[in-house]
Amino acid sequence: MEQNFEKTKNWLFSSGVLILDENDTNCGGVYSFFDEKKNEFSFLYPEITGYFLSSLRFLYDIEKNPLILDLGEKISNWLIQLFDTHGGIIQGIYSSVPQNLSYSFDTSICAKGILDFYQISKNEKNLDFGKKLVSELELFIENDGTFRPLKNLRSNQFEESKKLWYKQKGCLHIKCAMPFFQLYQITKNKDLLKKGCNICDTYSKFQNPDGSFSLHLEKNTINLHTLCYAVEGLLYGYNVTKNEKYLNASIKAIEWALSKISDDGSILLWFNSKYKEKAAYPIAQLIRLIILLNSISPTNLINETKKLASFLNSNQAKSENNFIDGGFYEGFTKSIFGWKKIPKINSWTTMFSLQALYWLDNHEGKSFKELVEYLY
């Protein structure tokens, strides 16, 4: 796994997925993916830029490389500039054209990333911006702990749409509790703790008797990626609160997911849906979550990580093209001709895989607390 980990890290730092040219107005921004057909990076993605900051904290704990701090400053400065320019964390930039929608989930990931970077940089500017993003997130929270999915920055109105899954309240928003818990740990503001718990407590609105999480309220569609997001929020909350309900709900969800594993180590991305996909990124998420559960109490679930890792590693690109080599493909779609690989090297799949690969080799002897604080 060590060689795969180094190749993964090299792609994140050297492929061009992170803009490093200081003459570029978007220096510090991170692209969503490299399009193998067009031979170009596409879609500057603030949410994923937040994940990159969290990845840097994880790597800095391992390597203490001062270059990581320099990169983090570029990234955090881009996010601050983005927020100041548009009045919020916008969805992204296609071909230099900004989107004018701000999603609560994206804002929470950026808040987590900024707070993660503050914890290694100790730069008060980053703490102040993290507080600003959490304050922005508070505007999205309903009284019952669910989240309004997005705000139109032109009209300054909250919106929702049944046409797209990510424009609705969903189980994924349980992960939005993470920056509230993290900022509580930094500031000891108990109001933040209360809000984090209120968000995590919404798990009962989404979890089904079999342990799975419905993507949306009172619907039966299940998405493996968002199920993992929900569990990530719950386990992070469990670390802070020691609320056994969060742990038990997480165990049930992971057991359900692993009951769906195929012979090749993949799990379908969608259930009770017209979509037919096998994605690599939730597999990386699952590996991390199983390792976290095993660090609380040794479980036979850990045996499944070998099969999951086999599928995950089969998605790592091997190429003489430096834009591609070492990154991870998004996954597969199904057509009448069978499963077909999506020709995109995906940035968040690669970031999730970076941590999954390292933890697979280095989790033994690590406590739950030592691992979960680096979860992103």
Protein backbone atom coordinates (compact mmCIF):
# COMPACT_ATOMS: atom_id res chain seq x y z
CA MET A 1 0.00 0.00 0.00
CA GLU A 2 2.92 2.37 0.68
CA GLN A 3 3.78 2.76 -3.00
CA ASN A 4 0.13 3.44 -3.85
CA PHE A 5 -0.01 6.05 -1.07
CA GLU A 6 3.06 7.87 -2.40
CA LYS A 7 1.66 7.87 -5.95
CA THR A 8 -1.63 9.24 -4.62
CA LYS A 9 0.13 12.02 -2.74
CA ASN A 10 2.23 12.85 -5.79
CA TRP A 11 -0.88 13.28 -7.95
CA LEU A 12 -2.46 15.66 -5.46
CA PHE A 13 0.65 17.83 -5.24
CA SER A 14 2.11 17.59 -8.74
CA SER A 15 -0.60 16.89 -11.32
CA GLY A 16 -2.02 20.40 -11.52
CA VAL A 17 -5.29 19.59 -9.73
CA LEU A 18 -4.22 22.29 -7.23
CA ILE A 19 -3.51 25.65 -8.91
CA LEU A 20 -0.10 26.86 -7.73
CA ASP A 21 0.63 29.64 -10.22
CA GLU A 22 0.71 32.82 -8.14
CA ASN A 23 -0.11 34.87 -11.25
CA ASP A 24 -3.42 33.00 -11.58
CA THR A 25 -6.31 34.73 -9.78
CA ASN A 26 -7.47 31.27 -8.70
CA CYS A 27 -4.15 30.26 -7.14
CA GLY A 28 -5.03 27.88 -4.30
CA GLY A 29 -8.20 26.55 -5.90
CA VAL A 30 -8.67 22.83 -6.53
CA TYR A 31 -10.27 21.28 -9.61
CA SER A 32 -12.97 18.67 -9.41
CA PHE A 33 -11.44 16.24 -11.90
CA PHE A 34 -9.14 15.66 -14.84
CA ASP A 35 -11.12 14.81 -17.97
CA GLU A 36 -9.21 12.05 -19.73
CA LYS A 37 -11.08 12.57 -23.01
CA LYS A 38 -10.53 16.34 -23.15
CA ASN A 39 -7.08 16.07 -21.54
CA GLU A 40 -7.82 18.95 -19.16
CA PHE A 41 -8.80 19.76 -15.59
CA SER A 42 -12.34 20.97 -15.11
CA PHE A 43 -14.56 22.82 -12.60
CA LEU A 44 -12.87 24.72 -9.77
CA TYR A 45 -14.64 23.30 -6.74
CA PRO A 46 -14.60 25.16 -3.39
CA GLU A 47 -16.01 22.19 -1.44
CA ILE A 48 -13.18 19.98 -2.65
CA THR A 49 -10.72 22.77 -1.90
CA GLY A 50 -11.91 22.50 1.70
CA TYR A 51 -11.18 18.77 1.62
CA PHE A 52 -7.68 19.54 0.36
CA LEU A 53 -7.01 21.66 3.48
CA SER A 54 -8.16 18.79 5.69
CA SER A 55 -5.92 16.42 3.73
CA LEU A 56 -3.00 18.76 4.44
CA ARG A 57 -3.63 18.58 8.19
CA PHE A 58 -3.65 14.79 7.95
CA LEU A 59 -0.37 14.79 6.01
CA TYR A 60 1.26 17.36 8.25
CA ASP A 61 0.67 15.11 11.26
CA ILE A 62 2.57 12.38 9.43
CA GLU A 63 5.40 14.36 7.82
CA LYS A 64 5.70 17.82 9.49
CA ASN A 65 6.71 19.14 6.05
CA PRO A 66 6.77 23.00 6.13
CA LEU A 67 5.78 23.01 2.43
CA ILE A 68 2.34 21.87 3.60
CA LEU A 69 1.91 25.12 5.56
CA ASP A 70 2.83 27.17 2.49
CA LEU A 71 0.31 25.29 0.35
CA GLY A 72 -2.36 25.67 3.03
CA GLU A 73 -1.93 29.45 3.07
CA LYS A 74 -2.50 29.63 -0.69
CA ILE A 75 -5.62 27.48 -0.41
CA SER A 76 -7.11 29.27 2.59
CA ASN A 77 -6.46 32.65 0.95
CA TRP A 78 -8.35 31.53 -2.16
CA LEU A 79 -11.37 30.44 -0.09
CA ILE A 80 -11.36 33.72 1.86
CA GLN A 81 -11.15 35.70 -1.38
CA LEU A 82 -13.97 33.61 -2.86
CA PHE A 83 -16.24 34.24 0.14
CA ASP A 84 -15.49 37.97 0.21
CA THR A 85 -16.10 38.32 -3.54
CA HIS A 86 -19.39 36.44 -3.71
CA GLY A 87 -20.79 36.75 -0.20
CA GLY A 88 -20.63 33.02 0.43
CA ILE A 89 -19.02 29.74 -0.56
CA ILE A 90 -20.26 29.38 -4.12
CA GLN A 91 -20.74 26.00 -5.74
CA GLY A 92 -17.92 26.37 -8.20
CA ILE A 93 -16.47 28.00 -11.30
CA TYR A 94 -16.92 26.61 -14.81
CA SER A 95 -14.73 28.28 -17.46
CA SER A 96 -14.20 31.34 -15.22
CA VAL A 97 -17.98 31.77 -14.75
CA PRO A 98 -18.97 31.59 -11.06
CA GLN A 99 -22.11 29.86 -9.88
CA ASN A 100 -24.31 32.00 -7.63
CA LEU A 101 -25.58 29.21 -5.39
CA SER A 102 -24.17 28.52 -1.94
CA TYR A 103 -24.74 25.04 -0.48
CA SER A 104 -24.80 24.38 3.24
CA PHE A 105 -22.89 21.13 2.77
CA ASP A 106 -20.10 22.80 0.77
CA THR A 107 -19.83 25.56 3.36
CA SER A 108 -19.49 23.00 6.15
CA ILE A 109 -16.68 21.15 4.36
CA CYS A 110 -14.83 24.44 3.82
CA ALA A 111 -15.37 25.35 7.50
CA LYS A 112 -13.91 22.00 8.54
CA GLY A 113 -10.96 22.47 6.18
CA ILE A 114 -10.20 25.97 7.42
CA LEU A 115 -10.42 24.86 11.05
CA ASP A 116 -8.20 21.87 10.28
CA PHE A 117 -5.62 24.17 8.76
CA TYR A 118 -5.84 26.54 11.72
CA GLN A 119 -4.93 23.63 13.99
CA ILE A 120 -1.57 23.24 12.27
CA SER A 121 -0.91 26.85 11.19
CA LYS A 122 -2.17 28.58 14.37
CA ASN A 123 -2.96 31.54 12.12
CA GLU A 124 -5.77 33.53 13.79
CA LYS A 125 -6.95 34.68 10.34
CA ASN A 126 -7.99 31.10 9.63
CA LEU A 127 -9.74 30.73 12.97
CA ASP A 128 -11.67 33.94 12.35
CA PHE A 129 -12.71 32.75 8.90
CA GLY A 130 -13.70 29.36 10.33
CA LYS A 131 -15.93 31.14 12.85
CA LYS A 132 -17.46 33.21 10.03
CA LEU A 133 -18.28 30.08 8.02
CA VAL A 134 -19.85 28.36 11.03
CA SER A 135 -21.94 31.47 11.67
CA GLU A 136 -23.03 31.34 8.02
CA LEU A 137 -23.96 27.67 8.48
CA GLU A 138 -26.17 28.53 11.46
CA LEU A 139 -28.46 30.42 9.08
CA PHE A 140 -29.15 27.18 7.19
CA ILE A 141 -30.20 25.12 10.24
CA GLU A 142 -33.89 24.45 10.86
CA ASN A 143 -35.22 24.10 14.41
CA ASP A 144 -35.31 20.30 14.06
CA GLY A 145 -31.60 20.13 13.15
CA THR A 146 -32.09 19.53 9.42
CA PHE A 147 -30.44 21.86 6.90
CA ARG A 148 -31.79 24.06 4.18
CA PRO A 149 -29.73 22.77 1.23
CA LEU A 150 -28.82 26.03 -0.53
CA LYS A 151 -29.08 29.79 -0.78
CA ASN A 152 -29.29 31.87 -3.95
CA LEU A 153 -26.70 34.60 -3.42
CA ARG A 154 -28.37 36.90 -5.96
CA SER A 155 -31.77 36.90 -4.25
CA ASN A 156 -30.40 36.03 -0.77
CA GLN A 157 -33.21 33.47 -0.54
CA PHE A 158 -33.01 29.83 0.55
CA GLU A 159 -34.09 27.40 -2.16
CA GLU A 160 -34.89 23.74 -2.62
CA SER A 161 -35.61 21.64 -5.71
CA LYS A 162 -36.92 18.11 -6.08
CA LYS A 163 -35.20 17.81 -9.48
CA LEU A 164 -31.69 17.27 -8.12
CA TRP A 165 -30.80 15.12 -5.12
CA TYR A 166 -28.30 17.60 -3.67
CA LYS A 167 -30.84 20.44 -3.72
CA GLN A 168 -32.92 18.75 -1.02
CA LYS A 169 -32.56 18.10 2.68
CA GLY A 170 -30.65 14.87 3.07
CA CYS A 171 -28.81 12.51 5.38
CA LEU A 172 -25.57 13.98 4.03
CA HIS A 173 -26.20 17.11 6.13
CA ILE A 174 -25.49 15.13 9.30
CA LYS A 175 -21.82 15.59 8.36
CA CYS A 176 -22.36 19.36 8.74
CA ALA A 177 -22.14 18.78 12.50
CA MET A 178 -18.38 18.30 12.24
CA PRO A 179 -17.25 21.97 12.15
CA PHE A 180 -19.64 22.78 15.03
CA PHE A 181 -18.05 20.09 17.20
CA GLN A 182 -14.57 21.08 16.09
CA LEU A 183 -15.08 24.77 16.84
CA TYR A 184 -16.60 23.81 20.20
CA GLN A 185 -13.42 21.91 21.03
CA ILE A 186 -11.36 25.00 20.14
CA THR A 187 -13.53 27.66 21.83
CA LYS A 188 -15.47 25.66 24.49
CA ASN A 189 -18.63 27.49 23.40
CA LYS A 190 -21.38 25.12 24.58
CA ASP A 191 -23.90 26.57 22.14
CA LEU A 192 -21.82 25.02 19.35
CA LEU A 193 -21.91 21.65 21.12
CA LYS A 194 -25.69 21.90 21.41
CA LYS A 195 -26.06 22.69 17.71
CA GLY A 196 -23.77 19.80 16.73
CA CYS A 197 -25.88 17.40 18.78
CA ASN A 198 -29.09 18.79 17.29
CA ILE A 199 -27.73 18.07 13.81
CA CYS A 200 -26.58 14.54 14.67
CA ASP A 201 -29.90 13.75 16.32
CA THR A 202 -31.58 14.01 12.92
CA TYR A 203 -30.15 10.56 12.10
CA SER A 204 -33.40 8.99 13.36
CA LYS A 205 -35.31 10.85 10.62
CA PHE A 206 -33.25 9.14 7.92
CA GLN A 207 -32.19 5.73 9.26
CA ASN A 208 -34.26 2.73 8.24
CA PRO A 209 -34.90 -0.35 10.41
CA ASP A 210 -32.31 -2.32 8.40
CA GLY A 211 -29.61 0.23 9.26
CA SER A 212 -29.46 2.00 5.88
CA PHE A 213 -29.93 5.76 5.57
CA SER A 214 -32.48 7.13 3.12
CA LEU A 215 -31.03 9.96 1.07
CA HIS A 216 -34.07 12.19 1.63
CA LEU A 217 -36.81 12.50 4.22
CA GLU A 218 -39.66 10.01 3.79
CA LYS A 219 -38.15 8.55 0.60
CA ASN A 220 -36.64 5.11 -0.01
CA THR A 221 -33.69 6.00 -2.30
CA ILE A 222 -30.34 5.14 -0.70
CA ASN A 223 -27.02 6.58 -1.81
CA LEU A 224 -23.89 4.90 -0.43
CA HIS A 225 -21.84 8.12 -0.57
CA THR A 226 -24.31 10.13 1.50
CA LEU A 227 -24.82 7.22 3.89
CA CYS A 228 -21.08 7.40 4.58
CA TYR A 229 -21.32 11.16 5.07
CA ALA A 230 -23.98 10.61 7.71
CA VAL A 231 -21.83 8.05 9.52
CA GLU A 232 -18.80 10.34 9.36
CA GLY A 233 -20.79 13.06 11.13
CA LEU A 234 -22.09 10.60 13.72
CA LEU A 235 -18.69 9.12 14.56
CA TYR A 236 -17.15 12.58 14.82
CA GLY A 237 -20.01 13.51 17.14
CA TYR A 238 -19.51 10.32 19.14
CA ASN A 239 -15.88 11.29 19.72
CA VAL A 240 -16.98 14.56 21.34
CA THR A 241 -20.18 13.49 23.14
CA LYS A 242 -19.71 9.73 23.76
CA ASN A 243 -23.40 9.38 22.86
CA GLU A 244 -23.86 5.63 22.29
CA LYS A 245 -26.83 6.28 19.97
CA TYR A 246 -24.48 7.79 17.42
CA LEU A 247 -22.13 4.81 17.62
CA ASN A 248 -24.90 2.20 17.39
CA ALA A 249 -26.50 3.93 14.41
CA SER A 250 -23.10 4.00 12.69
CA ILE A 251 -22.49 0.28 13.27
CA LYS A 252 -25.91 -0.62 11.84
CA ALA A 253 -25.30 1.51 8.75
CA ILE A 254 -21.88 0.00 8.04
CA GLU A 255 -23.18 -3.53 8.55
CA TRP A 256 -25.94 -2.80 6.04
CA ALA A 257 -23.47 -1.44 3.50
CA LEU A 258 -21.17 -4.44 3.82
CA SER A 259 -24.10 -6.80 3.28
CA LYS A 260 -24.25 -5.37 -0.26
CA ILE A 261 -20.61 -5.97 -1.18
CA SER A 262 -19.96 -7.69 -4.53
CA ASP A 263 -17.31 -10.28 -5.33
CA ASP A 264 -15.03 -7.60 -6.81
CA GLY A 265 -15.17 -5.53 -3.61
CA SER A 266 -17.49 -2.90 -5.05
CA ILE A 267 -20.87 -1.79 -3.71
CA LEU A 268 -23.54 -0.12 -5.81
CA LEU A 269 -23.73 3.64 -5.33
CA TRP A 270 -27.53 3.78 -5.65
CA PHE A 271 -30.32 1.60 -4.27
CA ASN A 272 -34.03 1.93 -5.14
CA SER A 273 -33.00 4.22 -7.97
CA LYS A 274 -32.83 4.34 -11.76
CA TYR A 275 -29.09 5.13 -11.58
CA LYS A 276 -26.60 2.28 -11.99
CA GLU A 277 -23.11 3.18 -10.80
CA LYS A 278 -20.18 1.74 -8.86
CA ALA A 279 -18.12 4.56 -7.38
CA ALA A 280 -14.66 4.39 -5.82
CA TYR A 281 -15.06 7.30 -3.38
CA PRO A 282 -17.62 5.69 -1.02
CA ILE A 283 -15.43 2.58 -0.92
CA ALA A 284 -12.56 4.74 0.38
CA GLN A 285 -15.01 6.25 2.88
CA LEU A 286 -16.14 2.81 4.03
CA ILE A 287 -12.58 1.61 4.59
CA ARG A 288 -11.92 4.59 6.85
CA LEU A 289 -15.19 4.10 8.76
CA ILE A 290 -14.53 0.39 9.35
CA ILE A 291 -11.06 1.21 10.68
CA LEU A 292 -12.57 3.81 13.02
CA LEU A 293 -15.15 1.35 14.34
CA ASN A 294 -12.44 -1.27 14.82
CA SER A 295 -10.38 1.21 16.85
CA ILE A 296 -13.29 1.56 19.30
CA SER A 297 -13.80 -2.18 19.65
CA PRO A 298 -12.16 -4.87 17.49
CA THR A 299 -14.72 -6.21 15.03
CA ASN A 300 -14.87 -8.79 12.26
CA LEU A 301 -15.90 -5.98 9.94
CA ILE A 302 -12.19 -5.20 9.56
CA ASN A 303 -11.86 -8.38 7.48
CA GLU A 304 -13.87 -6.74 4.69
CA THR A 305 -11.32 -3.98 4.17
CA LYS A 306 -9.08 -6.28 2.11
CA LYS A 307 -11.82 -6.88 -0.46
CA LEU A 308 -12.82 -3.20 -0.50
CA ALA A 309 -9.18 -2.15 -0.93
CA SER A 310 -8.83 -4.49 -3.90
CA PHE A 311 -11.63 -2.66 -5.73
CA LEU A 312 -10.33 0.74 -4.65
CA ASN A 313 -6.79 0.04 -5.87
CA SER A 314 -8.14 -1.17 -9.21
CA ASN A 315 -9.35 2.42 -9.74
CA GLN A 316 -5.91 4.00 -9.30
CA ALA A 317 -4.62 5.32 -12.62
CA LYS A 318 -1.33 4.07 -14.04
CA SER A 319 -0.13 6.24 -16.88
CA GLU A 320 2.88 8.03 -18.33
CA ASN A 321 0.69 11.14 -18.33
CA ASN A 322 1.46 13.07 -15.13
CA PHE A 323 -2.03 14.61 -15.17
CA ILE A 324 -3.39 11.09 -14.62
CA ASP A 325 -0.81 8.84 -12.97
CA GLY A 326 -1.54 8.07 -9.31
CA GLY A 327 -4.96 9.67 -9.21
CA PHE A 328 -8.16 7.68 -8.78
CA TYR A 329 -10.90 7.19 -11.31
CA GLU A 330 -14.40 8.14 -10.20
CA GLY A 331 -15.84 4.69 -10.85
CA PHE A 332 -18.14 2.94 -13.33
CA THR A 333 -21.52 3.40 -14.96
CA LYS A 334 -23.63 0.59 -16.35
CA SER A 335 -24.98 0.46 -19.89
CA ILE A 336 -26.48 -2.27 -22.02
CA PHE A 337 -22.90 -3.30 -22.83
CA GLY A 338 -21.91 -3.72 -19.17
CA TRP A 339 -19.83 -1.69 -16.72
CA LYS A 340 -17.84 1.16 -18.23
CA LYS A 341 -15.14 3.15 -16.43
CA ILE A 342 -15.86 6.89 -16.13
CA PRO A 343 -12.89 8.66 -17.82
CA LYS A 344 -12.35 11.17 -15.04
CA ILE A 345 -9.55 11.27 -12.46
CA ASN A 346 -11.50 12.49 -9.47
CA SER A 347 -9.99 14.78 -6.83
CA TRP A 348 -12.07 13.84 -3.79
CA THR A 349 -11.83 10.13 -4.57
CA THR A 350 -8.07 10.60 -4.51
CA MET A 351 -8.14 12.54 -1.22
CA PHE A 352 -10.36 9.98 0.49
CA SER A 353 -8.15 7.18 -0.86
CA LEU A 354 -5.01 8.91 0.45
CA GLN A 355 -6.26 8.55 4.02
CA ALA A 356 -7.80 5.12 3.49
CA LEU A 357 -4.54 3.69 2.11
CA TYR A 358 -2.46 5.14 4.92
CA TRP A 359 -4.82 3.98 7.65
CA LEU A 360 -4.93 0.46 6.21
CA ASP A 361 -1.18 0.17 6.80
CA ASN A 362 -0.90 2.23 9.99
CA HIS A 363 -4.06 1.92 12.11
CA GLU A 364 -2.89 -0.81 14.46
CA GLY A 365 -2.16 0.56 17.91
CA LYS A 366 -3.95 3.83 17.14
CA SER A 367 -6.83 4.87 19.37
CA PHE A 368 -10.17 6.06 18.00
CA LYS A 369 -9.41 9.60 19.12
CA GLU A 370 -6.01 9.60 17.41
CA LEU A 371 -7.71 8.70 14.11
CA VAL A 372 -11.12 10.39 14.11
CA GLU A 373 -9.84 13.91 14.62
CA TYR A 374 -8.19 13.68 11.18
CA LEU A 375 -11.31 12.35 9.45
CA TYR A 376 -12.50 14.55 6.57
